[in-house]
Each structure stands twice: as C-alpha cells, then as structure tokens.
Amino acid sequence: MQSTQNKQFRIGCRNGYLVRRLCAAMNSFLADNPDVSMEVIYGDHDELMAMLHRGEVDMVLNDLRHENESTSFENIFVEQIEGMVAVSNRSPLAEKDTINVEDLAHYPCVLVASEKHQEKEKLFFRMIFHTEKNFAVAKDLPSALTMIVNNAGFMPMVGTIDAQDFVGNVTKMLSVRSAGEPMYIKYYAFYNKEHVNDDTTRIVKSIVELLQ
C-alpha cells in the first residue's frame, strides 16, 4: 500500500487567544480537508512574528502592533474581542464585574512571555494598564493561571472561556474599561509573502472565515 503524506500547516497563536475557538475552526476545516494536518505553536507576540519571518510557521494569530508593519507580512482582520483580566476569586477585585484600567495600576500584572521577549511584553502592557507594580512572568498559560489562583495579581485575558476551562470557578474574569468604555483587542491573521503559495493563502483565508 502506498502511503500518502498530509500537507503540514503550522499556526502560531498568541498566548491568551481563545483556544476553544481556534480548535473549533481547525476541526471544521480538517473535516473537509483530510489531506491537511495542523500544528499549533503558542508563544508571545514577538516570538511568533520572528518565527513567521523565518518561515517556521505558515500563519500567525496575533494582535496588531507598530512593528508588525513589515513589507514581508500580509494580514487579514479576524475579530475584535473584549479585553478581560483574570483575578483570584479571593482578590478584593473579585467583588467587581468590571474595572477601570486605572484601578489596575496598583496590582502586579501576570504575563505569559518567553525570557527573550519579556521586556518588550512588559513595556507593551505597562502602556495599556499603567501598572506601577512589578510584573510576574510565566512560561505558559497554566503556570500563569496558577499564579492567579495564588492571588499574585491580575492577568490579561481574551474572553472568559479559557480561564474557566483551566481553573474552574477559582478565578474571576473582569471586563476592563477605559474612560467608561470597554477595551478591545483586535486580532489579525498574518502570513509571510516570501514563503506563501496559493494553497497556504487558501488555508489562511478558510481559517479566518471559520473564526469570524
């Protein structure tokens, strides 16, 4: 019997993006495309964009920052998701359902970031949350959520589903407000024009449509 090798499609996904949403989109696509297999690599913002630049992933789901404006990258808008933070249900903040971004300044911020890129991640989130406290950095999302359960501060999240999936009802998700209005994170699908072909473009657009 002759064996056939599936096309491998590699997705880089920003730490904190909704895992359940991505898995559902992948499952729908793979059901109609049995000749494709997919791998998901999670990482921080800069780590994933560097991998895309080197051709180590075919597509990246990431938030848009100024440094993404490379002539090598194409991007497609995926969705706008309300910004949330996770806190321990024993935290004084857990008495709230929403919180003003200014009120987070006095609490430590828990981040998921690689050692190489954590300083840039700290700078980015310091600008958003104006935090005056130290950052606690974890290597992955389960480790970060463990810190939250230990009441180490707050952690930026996207939506409520994933935190509840990891740690049940021991965390509380708060909607973040700025000047009384919800804060949003815009996610894009990036691909590298220097490493792209028609098949890659087709898969990227299909995944984006399933995520929207």
Protein backbone atom coordinates (compact mmCIF):
# COMPACT_ATOMS: atom_id res chain seq x y z
CA MET A 1 0.00 0.00 0.00
CA GLN A 2 1.35 3.40 -0.95
CA SER A 3 1.40 5.91 1.91
CA THR A 4 0.49 9.50 1.37
CA GLN A 5 1.88 12.37 3.39
CA ASN A 6 -0.50 15.08 4.52
CA LYS A 7 0.29 18.72 3.96
CA GLN A 8 1.51 20.17 7.25
CA PHE A 9 0.13 23.62 8.10
CA ARG A 10 1.69 25.37 11.11
CA ILE A 11 -0.24 28.01 13.06
CA GLY A 12 1.43 30.36 15.54
CA CYS A 13 -1.06 31.50 18.15
CA ARG A 14 -0.69 34.35 20.62
CA ASN A 15 -0.78 33.30 24.27
CA GLY A 16 -4.21 34.18 25.59
CA TYR A 17 -6.17 33.76 22.38
CA LEU A 18 -9.32 31.65 22.73
CA VAL A 19 -8.14 28.05 22.44
CA ARG A 20 -11.67 26.66 22.12
CA ARG A 21 -12.48 28.99 19.22
CA LEU A 22 -9.30 28.06 17.35
CA CYS A 23 -9.80 24.32 17.90
CA ALA A 24 -13.38 24.54 16.61
CA ALA A 25 -12.20 26.33 13.44
CA MET A 26 -9.44 23.78 12.90
CA ASN A 27 -11.84 20.87 13.40
CA SER A 28 -14.28 22.27 10.82
CA PHE A 29 -11.51 22.84 8.29
CA LEU A 30 -9.88 19.42 8.77
CA ALA A 31 -13.22 17.65 8.40
CA ASP A 32 -13.41 18.98 4.84
CA ASN A 33 -9.67 18.73 4.13
CA PRO A 34 -8.42 15.30 5.27
CA ASP A 35 -5.20 15.76 3.27
CA VAL A 36 -4.06 18.53 5.66
CA SER A 37 -2.69 18.17 9.19
CA MET A 38 -2.23 21.12 11.53
CA GLU A 39 0.18 22.04 14.29
CA VAL A 40 -0.36 24.93 16.71
CA ILE A 41 2.56 26.66 18.39
CA TYR A 42 1.80 29.08 21.21
CA GLY A 43 4.05 31.98 22.04
CA ASP A 44 4.32 35.67 22.84
CA HIS A 45 3.90 38.40 20.26
CA ASP A 46 7.49 38.94 19.14
CA GLU A 47 8.42 35.26 19.32
CA LEU A 48 5.65 34.35 16.86
CA MET A 49 6.40 37.17 14.43
CA ALA A 50 10.07 36.13 14.38
CA MET A 51 9.04 32.56 13.59
CA LEU A 52 6.83 33.80 10.76
CA HIS A 53 9.70 35.85 9.36
CA ARG A 54 11.94 32.75 9.37
CA GLY A 55 9.29 30.59 7.73
CA GLU A 56 8.87 28.34 10.79
CA VAL A 57 5.09 28.84 10.82
CA ASP A 58 2.67 29.42 7.96
CA MET A 59 0.25 31.72 9.76
CA VAL A 60 0.17 33.69 13.00
CA LEU A 61 -2.85 34.81 15.03
CA ASN A 62 -1.71 37.94 16.80
CA ASP A 63 -2.63 41.44 17.86
CA LEU A 64 -1.50 44.26 15.60
CA ARG A 65 1.40 46.41 16.78
CA HIS A 66 3.53 49.00 15.04
CA GLU A 67 6.41 46.59 14.49
CA ASN A 68 4.10 44.26 12.52
CA GLU A 69 4.14 46.74 9.64
CA SER A 70 6.73 44.76 7.69
CA THR A 71 6.60 44.71 3.91
CA SER A 72 7.04 40.92 4.16
CA PHE A 73 3.75 40.36 6.03
CA GLU A 74 0.17 40.35 4.83
CA ASN A 75 -2.59 40.49 7.42
CA ILE A 76 -6.32 39.77 7.47
CA PHE A 77 -8.57 41.11 10.21
CA VAL A 78 -10.05 38.24 12.23
CA GLU A 79 -12.09 39.70 15.07
CA GLN A 80 -12.35 42.26 17.83
CA ILE A 81 -12.61 40.74 21.30
CA GLU A 82 -13.34 42.50 24.56
CA GLY A 83 -10.32 42.78 26.81
CA MET A 84 -10.60 40.98 30.15
CA VAL A 85 -8.39 40.33 33.14
CA ALA A 86 -8.38 37.25 35.36
CA VAL A 87 -8.02 37.55 39.13
CA SER A 88 -8.28 35.11 42.02
CA ASN A 89 -11.77 34.83 43.44
CA ARG A 90 -10.11 35.70 46.78
CA SER A 91 -8.82 39.00 45.42
CA PRO A 92 -10.52 42.24 46.53
CA LEU A 93 -11.00 42.89 42.81
CA ALA A 94 -13.26 39.83 42.54
CA GLU A 95 -16.07 41.84 44.14
CA LYS A 96 -16.38 43.69 40.82
CA ASP A 97 -17.64 42.63 37.39
CA THR A 98 -15.95 45.50 35.56
CA ILE A 99 -12.89 47.54 36.43
CA ASN A 100 -11.40 50.78 35.18
CA VAL A 101 -7.95 50.35 33.71
CA GLU A 102 -6.60 52.99 36.11
CA ASP A 103 -7.62 50.85 39.09
CA LEU A 104 -5.31 48.05 37.94
CA ALA A 105 -2.21 50.25 38.23
CA HIS A 106 -1.60 49.26 41.85
CA TYR A 107 -1.67 45.49 41.25
CA PRO A 108 1.03 43.23 39.77
CA CYS A 109 0.43 42.10 36.20
CA VAL A 110 0.97 38.42 35.36
CA LEU A 111 2.23 37.83 31.82
CA VAL A 112 2.97 34.81 29.66
CA ALA A 113 6.19 35.54 27.77
CA SER A 114 9.48 33.99 26.77
CA GLU A 115 12.62 35.15 28.58
CA LYS A 116 13.95 36.72 25.38
CA HIS A 117 10.90 38.92 24.75
CA GLN A 118 9.52 39.56 28.22
CA GLU A 119 10.90 43.10 28.50
CA LYS A 120 9.01 44.20 25.36
CA GLU A 121 5.86 42.49 26.65
CA LYS A 122 6.22 44.33 29.95
CA LEU A 123 6.61 47.65 28.13
CA PHE A 124 3.54 46.98 25.97
CA PHE A 125 1.29 46.05 28.90
CA ARG A 126 2.67 48.83 31.08
CA MET A 127 1.41 51.29 28.46
CA ILE A 128 -2.03 49.65 28.49
CA PHE A 129 -2.54 49.14 32.23
CA HIS A 130 -0.22 51.88 33.58
CA THR A 131 0.87 49.34 36.17
CA GLU A 132 3.12 50.69 38.91
CA LYS A 133 3.81 47.26 40.39
CA ASN A 134 6.22 44.54 39.29
CA PHE A 135 5.36 42.02 36.63
CA ALA A 136 5.22 38.28 37.25
CA VAL A 137 6.21 36.34 34.13
CA ALA A 138 5.16 32.74 33.45
CA LYS A 139 6.37 30.43 30.70
CA ASP A 140 2.88 29.21 29.74
CA LEU A 141 -0.80 29.84 30.39
CA PRO A 142 -1.35 27.07 33.00
CA SER A 143 1.62 28.40 35.03
CA ALA A 144 0.25 31.93 34.82
CA LEU A 145 -3.22 30.84 35.93
CA THR A 146 -1.62 29.04 38.87
CA MET A 147 -0.11 32.40 39.87
CA ILE A 148 -3.57 33.97 39.63
CA VAL A 149 -5.04 31.26 41.87
CA ASN A 150 -2.24 32.14 44.31
CA ASN A 151 -3.53 35.74 44.20
CA ALA A 152 -0.36 37.12 42.58
CA GLY A 153 -2.16 39.92 40.73
CA PHE A 154 -4.17 40.12 37.53
CA MET A 155 -3.61 38.58 34.11
CA PRO A 156 -4.74 39.99 30.76
CA MET A 157 -7.06 37.51 29.03
CA VAL A 158 -9.16 37.33 25.87
CA GLY A 159 -12.73 36.40 26.76
CA THR A 160 -13.85 34.21 29.66
CA ILE A 161 -13.91 30.66 28.33
CA ASP A 162 -10.28 29.59 28.56
CA ALA A 163 -9.63 30.70 32.13
CA GLN A 164 -12.71 28.85 33.33
CA ASP A 165 -11.65 25.75 31.40
CA PHE A 166 -8.28 25.71 33.17
CA VAL A 167 -9.22 26.52 36.76
CA GLY A 168 -12.99 26.32 37.03
CA ASN A 169 -14.60 28.80 39.41
CA VAL A 170 -11.49 29.74 41.40
CA THR A 171 -10.83 32.77 39.19
CA LYS A 172 -12.98 35.77 38.36
CA MET A 173 -12.98 37.46 34.96
CA LEU A 174 -13.35 41.25 34.92
CA SER A 175 -14.25 43.38 31.94
CA VAL A 176 -11.78 46.26 31.59
CA ARG A 177 -13.00 49.80 30.94
CA SER A 178 -11.16 52.90 29.79
CA ALA A 179 -12.97 56.23 30.17
CA GLY A 180 -16.10 54.20 30.83
CA GLU A 181 -15.90 52.28 27.55
CA PRO A 182 -14.91 48.62 27.01
CA MET A 183 -11.36 47.95 25.84
CA TYR A 184 -10.93 45.70 22.83
CA ILE A 185 -8.14 43.64 21.31
CA LYS A 186 -8.09 43.32 17.53
CA TYR A 187 -6.72 40.05 16.21
CA TYR A 188 -5.28 39.50 12.74
CA ALA A 189 -4.04 36.53 10.76
CA PHE A 190 -0.54 37.21 9.45
CA TYR A 191 1.31 35.32 6.74
CA ASN A 192 4.67 35.89 5.10
CA LYS A 193 4.52 36.86 1.43
CA GLU A 194 8.03 35.50 0.92
CA HIS A 195 7.01 31.96 1.96
CA VAL A 196 3.45 31.81 0.65
CA ASN A 197 1.79 29.83 -2.14
CA ASP A 198 -1.79 29.51 -3.35
CA ASP A 199 -2.50 26.59 -1.03
CA THR A 200 -1.23 28.46 2.02
CA THR A 201 -3.32 31.51 1.14
CA ARG A 202 -6.39 29.33 0.74
CA ILE A 203 -5.92 27.71 4.15
CA VAL A 204 -5.30 31.06 5.87
CA LYS A 205 -8.47 32.57 4.41
CA SER A 206 -10.51 29.47 5.28
CA ILE A 207 -9.37 29.51 8.92
CA VAL A 208 -10.10 33.24 9.17
CA GLU A 209 -13.62 32.74 7.81
CA LEU A 210 -14.24 29.97 10.35
CA LEU A 211 -13.00 32.19 13.19
CA GLN A 212 -15.20 35.14 12.24
